[in-house]
PDB file of N, CA and C in Angstrom:
ATOM      1  N   MET A   1       0.809  -1.186   0.000  1.00  0.00           N
ATOM      2  CA  MET A   1       0.000   0.000   0.000  1.00  0.00           C
ATOM      3  C   MET A   1       0.859   1.258   0.000  1.00  0.00           C
ATOM      4  N   HIS A   2       1.947   1.226   0.776  1.00  0.00           N
ATOM      5  CA  HIS A   2       2.838   2.385   0.838  1.00  0.00           C
ATOM      6  C   HIS A   2       3.539   2.618  -0.501  1.00  0.00           C
ATOM      7  N   LYS A   3       3.824   1.508  -1.193  1.00  0.00           N
ATOM      8  CA  LYS A   3       4.476   1.645  -2.503  1.00  0.00           C
ATOM      9  C   LYS A   3       3.518   2.283  -3.503  1.00  0.00           C
ATOM     10  N   LEU A   4       2.246   1.917  -3.429  1.00  0.00           N
ATOM     11  CA  LEU A   4       1.251   2.495  -4.325  1.00  0.00           C
ATOM     12  C   LEU A   4       1.087   3.987  -4.053  1.00  0.00           C
ATOM     13  N   ASN A   5       1.045   4.363  -2.779  1.00  0.00           N
ATOM     14  CA  ASN A   5       0.939   5.789  -2.432  1.00  0.00           C
ATOM     15  C   ASN A   5       2.165   6.569  -2.904  1.00  0.00           C
ATOM     16  N   ALA A   6       3.342   5.988  -2.747  1.00  0.00           N
ATOM     17  CA  ALA A   6       4.580   6.635  -3.187  1.00  0.00           C
ATOM     18  C   ALA A   6       4.580   6.791  -4.709  1.00  0.00           C
ATOM     19  N   LEU A   7       4.124   5.748  -5.408  1.00  0.00           N
ATOM     20  CA  LEU A   7       4.067   5.794  -6.860  1.00  0.00           C
ATOM     21  C   LEU A   7       3.070   6.867  -7.321  1.00  0.00           C
ATOM     22  N   LEU A   8       1.912   6.917  -6.682  1.00  0.00           N
ATOM     23  CA  LEU A   8       0.914   7.929  -7.033  1.00  0.00           C
ATOM     24  C   LEU A   8       1.424   9.342  -6.725  1.00  0.00           C
ATOM     25  N   LEU A   9       2.169   9.500  -5.639  1.00  0.00           N
ATOM     26  CA  LEU A   9       2.753  10.798  -5.304  1.00  0.00           C
ATOM     27  C   LEU A   9       3.761  11.229  -6.364  1.00  0.00           C
ATOM     28  N   ILE A  10       4.591  10.293  -6.800  1.00  0.00           N
ATOM     29  CA  ILE A  10       5.593  10.596  -7.840  1.00  0.00           C
ATOM     30  C   ILE A  10       4.890  10.981  -9.140  1.00  0.00           C
ATOM     31  N   VAL A  11       3.843  10.248  -9.505  1.00  0.00           N
ATOM     32  CA  VAL A  11       3.093  10.547 -10.727  1.00  0.00           C
ATOM     33  C   VAL A  11       2.445  11.929 -10.616  1.00  0.00           C
ATOM     34  N   ALA A  12       1.884  12.243  -9.464  1.00  0.00           N
ATOM     35  CA  ALA A  12       1.241  13.542  -9.265  1.00  0.00           C
ATOM     36  C   ALA A  12       2.256  14.675  -9.358  1.00  0.00           C
ATOM     37  N   VAL A  13       3.447  14.485  -8.750  1.00  0.00           N
ATOM     38  CA  VAL A  13       4.496  15.509  -8.804  1.00  0.00           C
ATOM     39  C   VAL A  13       4.985  15.693 -10.241  1.00  0.00           C
ATOM     40  N   LEU A  14       5.213  14.590 -10.953  1.00  0.00           N
ATOM     41  CA  LEU A  14       5.655  14.682 -12.346  1.00  0.00           C
ATOM     42  C   LEU A  14       4.587  15.360 -13.213  1.00  0.00           C
ATOM     43  N   SER A  15       3.333  15.040 -12.951  1.00  0.00           N
ATOM     44  CA  SER A  15       2.243  15.672 -13.687  1.00  0.00           C
ATOM     45  C   SER A  15       2.208  17.177 -13.414  1.00  0.00           C
ATOM     46  N   ALA A  16       2.371  17.553 -12.163  1.00  0.00           N
ATOM     47  CA  ALA A  16       2.372  18.975 -11.808  1.00  0.00           C
ATOM     48  C   ALA A  16       3.549  19.695 -12.459  1.00  0.00           C
ATOM     49  N   LEU A  17       4.712  19.065 -12.475  1.00  0.00           N
ATOM     50  CA  LEU A  17       5.888  19.666 -13.118  1.00  0.00           C
ATOM     51  C   LEU A  17       5.671  19.829 -14.625  1.00  0.00           C
ATOM     52  N   SER A  18       5.051  18.820 -15.235  1.00  0.00           N
ATOM     53  CA  SER A  18       4.807  18.935 -16.687  1.00  0.00           C
ATOM     54  C   SER A  18       3.795  20.045 -16.981  1.00  0.00           C
ATOM     55  N   VAL A  19       2.799  20.235 -16.120  1.00  0.00           N
ATOM     56  CA  VAL A  19       1.842  21.319 -16.304  1.00  0.00           C
ATOM     57  C   VAL A  19       2.537  22.669 -16.192  1.00  0.00           C
ATOM     58  N   VAL A  20       3.397  22.817 -15.174  1.00  0.00           N
ATOM     59  CA  VAL A  20       4.130  24.072 -14.981  1.00  0.00           C
ATOM     60  C   VAL A  20       5.044  24.333 -16.169  1.00  0.00           C
ATOM     61  N   THR A  21       5.731  23.305 -16.646  1.00  0.00           N
ATOM     62  CA  THR A  21       6.641  23.457 -17.783  1.00  0.00           C
ATOM     63  C   THR A  21       5.876  23.856 -19.047  1.00  0.00           C
ATOM     64  N   SER A  22       4.745  23.187 -19.280  1.00  0.00           N
ATOM     65  CA  SER A  22       3.979  23.516 -20.487  1.00  0.00           C
ATOM     66  C   SER A  22       3.389  24.922 -20.401  1.00  0.00           C
ATOM     67  N   GLN A  23       2.956  25.364 -19.242  1.00  0.00           N
ATOM     68  CA  GLN A  23       2.455  26.735 -19.091  1.00  0.00           C
ATOM     69  C   GLN A  23       3.571  27.753 -19.336  1.00  0.00           C
ATOM     70  N   HIS A  24       4.751  27.450 -18.829  1.00  0.00           N
ATOM     71  CA  HIS A  24       5.887  28.360 -19.036  1.00  0.00           C
ATOM     72  C   HIS A  24       6.216  28.478 -20.523  1.00  0.00           C
ATOM     73  N   LYS A  25       6.257  27.331 -21.220  1.00  0.00           N
ATOM     74  CA  LYS A  25       6.534  27.344 -22.659  1.00  0.00           C
ATOM     75  C   LYS A  25       5.446  28.115 -23.404  1.00  0.00           C
ATOM     76  N   SER A  26       4.198  27.889 -22.985  1.00  0.00           N
ATOM     77  CA  SER A  26       3.074  28.574 -23.632  1.00  0.00           C
ATOM     78  C   SER A  26       3.184  30.085 -23.447  1.00  0.00           C
ATOM     79  N   ARG A  27       3.510  30.534 -22.268  1.00  0.00           N
ATOM     80  CA  ARG A  27       3.652  31.979 -22.019  1.00  0.00           C
ATOM     81  C   ARG A  27       4.819  32.565 -22.799  1.00  0.00           C
ATOM     82  N   ARG A  28       5.916  31.817 -22.867  1.00  0.00           N
ATOM     83  CA  ARG A  28       7.085  32.294 -23.602  1.00  0.00           C
ATOM     84  C   ARG A  28       6.763  32.407 -25.100  1.00  0.00           C
ATOM     85  N   ILE A  29       6.092  31.412 -25.637  1.00  0.00           N
ATOM     86  CA  ILE A  29       5.729  31.441 -27.054  1.00  0.00           C
ATOM     87  C   ILE A  29       4.732  32.567 -27.330  1.00  0.00           C
ATOM     88  N   PHE A  30       3.798  32.788 -26.400  1.00  0.00           N
ATOM     89  CA  PHE A  30       2.831  33.878 -26.574  1.00  0.00           C
ATOM     90  C   PHE A  30       3.537  35.234 -26.553  1.00  0.00           C
ATOM     91  N   ALA A  31       4.535  35.384 -25.686  1.00  0.00           N
ATOM     92  CA  ALA A  31       5.298  36.634 -25.640  1.00  0.00           C
ATOM     93  C   ALA A  31       6.047  36.848 -26.958  1.00  0.00           C
ATOM     94  N   GLU A  32       6.610  35.771 -27.517  1.00  0.00           N
ATOM     95  CA  GLU A  32       7.290  35.873 -28.809  1.00  0.00           C
ATOM     96  C   GLU A  32       6.296  36.251 -29.914  1.00  0.00           C
ATOM     97  N   LEU A  33       5.102  35.673 -29.846  1.00  0.00           N
ATOM     98  CA  LEU A  33       4.067  35.999 -30.826  1.00  0.00           C
ATOM     99  C   LEU A  33       3.688  37.475 -30.755  1.00  0.00           C
ATOM    100  N   GLN A  34       3.537  38.005 -29.557  1.00  0.00           N
ATOM    101  CA  GLN A  34       3.216  39.424 -29.414  1.00  0.00           C
ATOM    102  C   GLN A  34       4.337  40.296 -29.965  1.00  0.00           C
ATOM    103  N   HIS A  35       5.575  39.893 -29.698  1.00  0.00           N
ATOM    104  CA  HIS A  35       6.714  40.648 -30.223  1.00  0.00           C
ATOM    105  C   HIS A  35       6.718  40.623 -31.751  1.00  0.00           C
ATOM    106  N   GLU A  36       6.473  39.468 -32.340  1.00  0.00           N
ATOM    107  CA  GLU A  36       6.449  39.349 -33.802  1.00  0.00           C
ATOM    108  C   GLU A  36       5.285  40.130 -34.397  1.00  0.00           C
ATOM    109  N   ASP A  37       4.135  40.132 -33.730  1.00  0.00           N
ATOM    110  CA  ASP A  37       3.000  40.929 -34.205  1.00  0.00           C
ATOM    111  C   ASP A  37       3.324  42.421 -34.200  1.00  0.00           C
ATOM    112  N   ALA A  38       3.992  42.871 -33.139  1.00  0.00           N
ATOM    113  CA  ALA A  38       4.377  44.285 -33.060  1.00  0.00           C
ATOM    114  C   ALA A  38       5.371  44.627 -34.168  1.00  0.00           C
ATOM    115  N   GLN A  39       6.297  43.722 -34.423  1.00  0.00           N
ATOM    116  CA  GLN A  39       7.278  43.961 -35.479  1.00  0.00           C
ATOM    117  C   GLN A  39       6.598  43.953 -36.853  1.00  0.00           C
ATOM    118  N   ALA A  40       5.642  43.052 -37.056  1.00  0.00           N
ATOM    119  CA  ALA A  40       4.914  43.016 -38.327  1.00  0.00           C
ATOM    120  C   ALA A  40       4.126  44.308 -38.527  1.00  0.00           C
ATOM    121  N   LYS A  41       3.541  44.824 -37.462  1.00  0.00           N
ATOM    122  CA  LYS A  41       2.808  46.091 -37.557  1.00  0.00           C
ATOM    123  C   LYS A  41       3.754  47.231 -37.924  1.00  0.00           C
ATOM    124  N   GLN A  42       4.930  47.226 -37.327  1.00  0.00           N
ATOM    125  CA  GLN A  42       5.927  48.257 -37.628  1.00  0.00           C
ATOM    126  C   GLN A  42       6.366  48.162 -39.093  1.00  0.00           C
ATOM    127  N   TYR A  43       6.584  46.936 -39.571  1.00  0.00           N
ATOM    128  CA  TYR A  43       6.979  46.756 -40.970  1.00  0.00           C
ATOM    129  C   TYR A  43       5.868  47.209 -41.912  1.00  0.00           C
ATOM    130  N   LYS A  44       4.626  46.947 -41.569  1.00  0.00           N
ATOM    131  CA  LYS A  44       3.502  47.379 -42.409  1.00  0.00           C
ATOM    132  C   LYS A  44       3.438  48.894 -42.478  1.00  0.00           C
ATOM    133  N   GLU A  45       3.626  49.565 -41.331  1.00  0.00           N
ATOM    134  CA  GLU A  45       3.620  51.026 -41.333  1.00  0.00           C
ATOM    135  C   GLU A  45       4.760  51.569 -42.199  1.00  0.00           C
ATOM    136  N   GLU A  46       5.932  50.958 -42.084  1.00  0.00           N
ATOM    137  CA  GLU A  46       7.071  51.399 -42.882  1.00  0.00           C
ATOM    138  C   GLU A  46       6.808  51.163 -44.371  1.00  0.00           C
ATOM    139  N   TYR A  47       6.206  50.026 -44.688  1.00  0.00           N
ATOM    140  CA  TYR A  47       5.879  49.716 -46.078  1.00  0.00           C
ATOM    141  C   TYR A  47       4.879  50.728 -46.637  1.00  0.00           C
ATOM    142  N   ASP A  48       3.864  51.072 -45.849  1.00  0.00           N
ATOM    143  CA  ASP A  48       2.882  52.066 -46.292  1.00  0.00           C
ATOM    144  C   ASP A  48       3.542  53.419 -46.530  1.00  0.00           C
ATOM    145  N   LYS A  49       4.468  53.797 -45.657  1.00  0.00           N
ATOM    146  CA  LYS A  49       5.190  55.059 -45.855  1.00  0.00           C
ATOM    147  C   LYS A  49       6.024  55.020 -47.128  1.00  0.00           C
ATOM    148  N   LEU A  50       6.658  53.876 -47.390  1.00  0.00           N
ATOM    149  CA  LEU A  50       7.469  53.761 -48.603  1.00  0.00           C
ATOM    150  C   LEU A  50       6.600  53.800 -49.855  1.00  0.00           C
ATOM    151  N   LEU A  51       5.422  53.193 -49.801  1.00  0.00           N
ATOM    152  CA  LEU A  51       4.509  53.269 -50.945  1.00  0.00           C
ATOM    153  C   LEU A  51       4.081  54.711 -51.209  1.00  0.00           C
ATOM    154  N   LEU A  52       3.780  55.434 -50.138  1.00  0.00           N
ATOM    155  CA  LEU A  52       3.396  56.837 -50.287  1.00  0.00           C
ATOM    156  C   LEU A  52       4.544  57.650 -50.871  1.00  0.00           C
ATOM    157  N   GLU A  53       5.740  57.408 -50.379  1.00  0.00           N
ATOM    158  CA  GLU A  53       6.908  58.124 -50.896  1.00  0.00           C
ATOM    159  C   GLU A  53       7.151  57.776 -52.360  1.00  0.00           C
ATOM    160  N   GLN A  54       6.973  56.503 -52.706  1.00  0.00           N
ATOM    161  CA  GLN A  54       7.168  56.083 -54.091  1.00  0.00           C
ATOM    162  C   GLN A  54       6.161  56.760 -55.011  1.00  0.00           C
ATOM    163  N   SER A  55       4.916  56.840 -54.584  1.00  0.00           N
ATOM    164  CA  SER A  55       3.916  57.492 -55.430  1.00  0.00           C
ATOM    165  C   SER A  55       4.195  58.986 -55.559  1.00  0.00           C
ATOM    166  N   THR A  56       4.711  59.597 -54.486  1.00  0.00           N
ATOM    167  CA  THR A  56       5.057  61.015 -54.538  1.00  0.00           C
ATOM    168  C   THR A  56       6.231  61.242 -55.482  1.00  0.00           C
ATOM    169  N   GLN A  57       7.233  60.371 -55.396  1.00  0.00           N
ATOM    170  CA  GLN A  57       8.417  60.524 -56.246  1.00  0.00           C
ATOM    171  C   GLN A  57       8.088  60.317 -57.715  1.00  0.00           C
ATOM    172  N   GLY A  58       7.065  59.520 -58.014  1.00  0.00           N
ATOM    173  CA  GLY A  58       6.743  59.207 -59.401  1.00  0.00           C
ATOM    174  C   GLY A  58       5.685  60.088 -60.012  1.00  0.00           C
ATOM    175  N   MET A  59       5.257  61.128 -59.315  1.00  0.00           N
ATOM    176  CA  MET A  59       4.224  62.009 -59.864  1.00  0.00           C
ATOM    177  C   MET A  59       4.764  62.742 -61.082  1.00  0.00           C
ATOM    178  N   HIS A  60       3.896  62.901 -62.086  1.00  0.00           N
ATOM    179  CA  HIS A  60       4.302  63.537 -63.335  1.00  0.00           C
ATOM    180  C   HIS A  60       4.808  64.962 -63.109  1.00  0.00           C
ATOM    181  N   SER A  61       4.129  65.717 -62.253  1.00  0.00           N
ATOM    182  CA  SER A  61       4.524  67.106 -62.028  1.00  0.00           C
ATOM    183  C   SER A  61       5.913  67.189 -61.405  1.00  0.00           C
ATOM    184  N   ARG A  62       6.221  66.271 -60.490  1.00  0.00           N
ATOM    185  CA  ARG A  62       7.542  66.282 -59.860  1.00  0.00           C
ATOM    186  C   ARG A  62       8.625  65.907 -60.867  1.00  0.00           C
ATOM    187  N   ILE A  63       8.343  64.900 -61.676  1.00  0.00           N
ATOM    188  CA  ILE A  63       9.323  64.477 -62.678  1.00  0.00           C
ATOM    189  C   ILE A  63       9.580  65.605 -63.672  1.00  0.00           C
ATOM    190  N   GLU A  64       8.525  66.270 -64.102  1.00  0.00           N
ATOM    191  CA  GLU A  64       8.699  67.381 -65.039  1.00  0.00           C
ATOM    192  C   GLU A  64       9.472  68.528 -64.395  1.00  0.00           C
ATOM    193  N   ARG A  65       9.186  68.825 -63.130  1.00  0.00           N
ATOM    194  CA  ARG A  65       9.889  69.895 -62.420  1.00  0.00           C
ATOM    195  C   ARG A  65      11.386  69.553 -62.295  1.00  0.00           C
ATOM    196  N   GLU A  66      11.689  68.301 -61.959  1.00  0.00           N
ATOM    197  CA  GLU A  66      13.097  67.896 -61.856  1.00  0.00           C
ATOM    198  C   GLU A  66      13.787  67.937 -63.212  1.00  0.00           C
ATOM    199  N   ALA A  67      13.068  67.520 -64.255  1.00  0.00           N
ATOM    200  CA  ALA A  67      13.671  67.514 -65.589  1.00  0.00           C
ATOM    201  C   ALA A  67      13.982  68.925 -66.061  1.00  0.00           C
ATOM    202  N   THR A  68      13.054  69.854 -65.862  1.00  0.00           N
ATOM    203  CA  THR A  68      13.284  71.218 -66.331  1.00  0.00           C
ATOM    204  C   THR A  68      14.226  71.983 -65.415  1.00  0.00           C
ATOM    205  N   GLY A  69      14.123  71.762 -64.111  1.00  0.00           N
ATOM    206  CA  GLY A  69      14.946  72.513 -63.165  1.00  0.00           C
ATOM    207  C   GLY A  69      16.350  71.962 -63.017  1.00  0.00           C
ATOM    208  N   THR A  70      16.455  70.744 -62.539  1.00  0.00           N
ATOM    209  CA  THR A  70      17.761  70.161 -62.234  1.00  0.00           C
ATOM    210  C   THR A  70      18.514  69.740 -63.489  1.00  0.00           C
ATOM    211  N   LEU A  71      17.825  69.088 -64.409  1.00  0.00           N
ATOM    212  CA  LEU A  71      18.494  68.538 -65.595  1.00  0.00           C
ATOM    213  C   LEU A  71      18.511  69.500 -66.781  1.00  0.00           C
ATOM    214  N   LYS A  72      17.851  70.657 -66.646  1.00  0.00           N
ATOM    215  CA  LYS A  72      17.813  71.685 -67.695  1.00  0.00           C
ATOM    216  C   LYS A  72      17.261  71.129 -69.020  1.00  0.00           C
ATOM    217  N   MET A  73      16.251  70.290 -68.929  1.00  0.00           N
ATOM    218  CA  MET A  73      15.616  69.736 -70.122  1.00  0.00           C
ATOM    219  C   MET A  73      14.454  70.649 -70.509  1.00  0.00           C
ATOM    220  N   LYS A  74      14.057  70.576 -71.783  1.00  0.00           N
ATOM    221  CA  LYS A  74      12.907  71.356 -72.217  1.00  0.00           C
ATOM    222  C   LYS A  74      12.061  70.508 -73.158  1.00  0.00           C
ATOM    223  N   THR A  75      10.821  70.910 -73.321  1.00  0.00           N
ATOM    224  CA  THR A  75       9.897  70.182 -74.190  1.00  0.00           C
ATOM    225  C   THR A  75      10.350  70.353 -75.632  1.00  0.00           C
ATOM    226  N   PRO A  76      10.378  69.268 -76.412  1.00  0.00           N
ATOM    227  CA  PRO A  76      10.840  69.391 -77.801  1.00  0.00           C
ATOM    228  C   PRO A  76       9.831  70.147 -78.653  1.00  0.00           C
ATOM    229  N   ASP A  77      10.359  70.754 -79.709  1.00  0.00           N
ATOM    230  CA  ASP A  77       9.525  71.479 -80.665  1.00  0.00           C
ATOM    231  C   ASP A  77       8.659  70.458 -81.411  1.00  0.00           C
ATOM    232  N   PRO A  78       7.356  70.701 -81.535  1.00  0.00           N
ATOM    233  CA  PRO A  78       6.483  69.719 -82.196  1.00  0.00           C
ATOM    234  C   PRO A  78       6.903  69.384 -83.625  1.00  0.00           C
ATOM    235  N   GLN A  79       7.519  70.324 -84.355  1.00  0.00           N
ATOM    236  CA  GLN A  79       7.972  70.034 -85.721  1.00  0.00           C
ATOM    237  C   GLN A  79       9.153  69.067 -85.733  1.00  0.00           C
ATOM    238  N   ARG A  80       9.836  68.937 -84.634  1.00  0.00           N
ATOM    239  CA  ARG A  80      10.996  68.043 -84.573  1.00  0.00           C
ATOM    240  C   ARG A  80      10.632  66.694 -83.940  1.00  0.00           C
ATOM    241  N   THR A  81       9.376  66.517 -83.603  1.00  0.00           N
ATOM    242  CA  THR A  81       8.943  65.284 -82.964  1.00  0.00           C
ATOM    243  C   THR A  81       8.631  64.235 -84.019  1.00  0.00           C
ATOM    244  N   ARG A  82       9.132  63.028 -83.805  1.00  0.00           N
ATOM    245  CA  ARG A  82       8.882  61.914 -84.726  1.00  0.00           C
ATOM    246  C   ARG A  82       8.362  60.730 -83.918  1.00  0.00           C
ATOM    247  N   VAL A  83       7.490  59.974 -84.553  1.00  0.00           N
ATOM    248  CA  VAL A  83       6.951  58.767 -83.948  1.00  0.00           C
ATOM    249  C   VAL A  83       7.461  57.588 -84.756  1.00  0.00           C
ATOM    250  N   VAL A  84       8.005  56.582 -84.076  1.00  0.00           N
ATOM    251  CA  VAL A  84       8.497  55.391 -84.745  1.00  0.00           C
ATOM    252  C   VAL A  84       7.420  54.320 -84.635  1.00  0.00           C
ATOM    253  N   THR A  85       6.996  53.801 -85.786  1.00  0.00           N
ATOM    254  CA  THR A  85       5.945  52.786 -85.801  1.00  0.00           C
ATOM    255  C   THR A  85       6.523  51.418 -85.468  1.00  0.00           C
ATOM    256  N   ALA A  86       5.650  50.418 -85.377  1.00  0.00           N
ATOM    257  CA  ALA A  86       6.072  49.070 -85.000  1.00  0.00           C
ATOM    258  C   ALA A  86       7.003  48.456 -86.043  1.00  0.00           C
ATOM    259  N   ASN A  87       6.843  48.815 -87.319  1.00  0.00           N
ATOM    260  CA  ASN A  87       7.714  48.233 -88.345  1.00  0.00           C
ATOM    261  C   ASN A  87       9.000  49.036 -88.541  1.00  0.00           C
ATOM    262  N   GLY A  88       9.235  50.064 -87.725  1.00  0.00           N
ATOM    263  CA  GLY A  88      10.486  50.796 -87.741  1.00  0.00           C
ATOM    264  C   GLY A  88      10.483  52.057 -88.571  1.00  0.00           C
ATOM    265  N   GLU A  89       9.371  52.402 -89.188  1.00  0.00           N
ATOM    266  CA  GLU A  89       9.312  53.621 -89.986  1.00  0.00           C
ATOM    267  C   GLU A  89       9.144  54.829 -89.078  1.00  0.00           C
ATOM    268  N   SER A  90       9.782  55.907 -89.465  1.00  0.00           N
ATOM    269  CA  SER A  90       9.698  57.144 -88.699  1.00  0.00           C
ATOM    270  C   SER A  90       8.669  58.058 -89.367  1.00  0.00           C
ATOM    271  N   VAL A  91       7.719  58.568 -88.571  1.00  0.00           N
ATOM    272  CA  VAL A  91       6.664  59.413 -89.093  1.00  0.00           C
ATOM    273  C   VAL A  91       6.741  60.743 -88.372  1.00  0.00           C
ATOM    274  N   VAL A  92       6.712  61.852 -89.152  1.00  0.00           N
ATOM    275  CA  VAL A  92       6.712  63.187 -88.559  1.00  0.00           C
ATOM    276  C   VAL A  92       5.278  63.506 -88.156  1.00  0.00           C
ATOM    277  N   VAL A  93       5.115  63.936 -86.929  1.00  0.00           N
ATOM    278  CA  VAL A  93       3.789  64.289 -86.427  1.00  0.00           C
ATOM    279  C   VAL A  93       3.673  65.792 -86.435  1.00  0.00           C
ATOM    280  N   VAL A  94       2.715  66.303 -87.176  1.00  0.00           N
ATOM    281  CA  VAL A  94       2.487  67.748 -87.246  1.00  0.00           C
ATOM    282  C   VAL A  94       1.234  68.036 -86.426  1.00  0.00           C
ATOM    283  N   PRO A  95       1.404  68.814 -85.374  1.00  0.00           N
ATOM    284  CA  PRO A  95       0.236  69.123 -84.542  1.00  0.00           C
ATOM    285  C   PRO A  95      -0.692  70.103 -85.253  1.00  0.00           C
ATOM    286  N   PRO A  96      -1.974  70.086 -84.903  1.00  0.00           N
ATOM    287  CA  PRO A  96      -2.902  71.046 -85.529  1.00  0.00           C
ATOM    288  C   PRO A  96      -2.534  72.482 -85.136  1.00  0.00           C
ATOM    289  N   LYS A  97      -2.747  73.391 -86.062  1.00  0.00           N
ATOM    290  CA  LYS A  97      -2.405  74.802 -85.799  1.00  0.00           C
ATOM    291  C   LYS A  97      -3.443  75.402 -84.886  1.00  0.00           C
ATOM    292  N   GLU A  98      -2.958  76.190 -83.955  1.00  0.00           N
ATOM    293  CA  GLU A  98      -3.850  76.876 -83.023  1.00  0.00           C
ATOM    294  C   GLU A  98      -4.305  78.192 -83.660  1.00  0.00           C
ATOM    295  N   GLU A  99      -5.555  78.516 -83.512  1.00  0.00           N
ATOM    296  CA  GLU A  99      -6.066  79.754 -84.099  1.00  0.00           C
ATOM    297  C   GLU A  99      -6.270  80.796 -83.060  1.00  0.00           C
TER     298      GLU A  99
END
């Protein structure tokens, strides 16, 4: 009878230790999950900012301003503009005259 009680006590202690160990692992993993969620949120915010910056950098008005200001480019004269077709022929495009 004493051996059975001792065996049951050992089983109960081992069971209690396994419960404590599994709870500790669960809490540690949950803390890691919260940390990863916070980092994912930070990355999403940074990504959204980069998308906004990319759209701002690619705006037509900004590109034209940089081309004319920094690069000293100008719009070509319409009489000097040529369009190259798919078969490689060059066609002069004459814009309609303004009245």
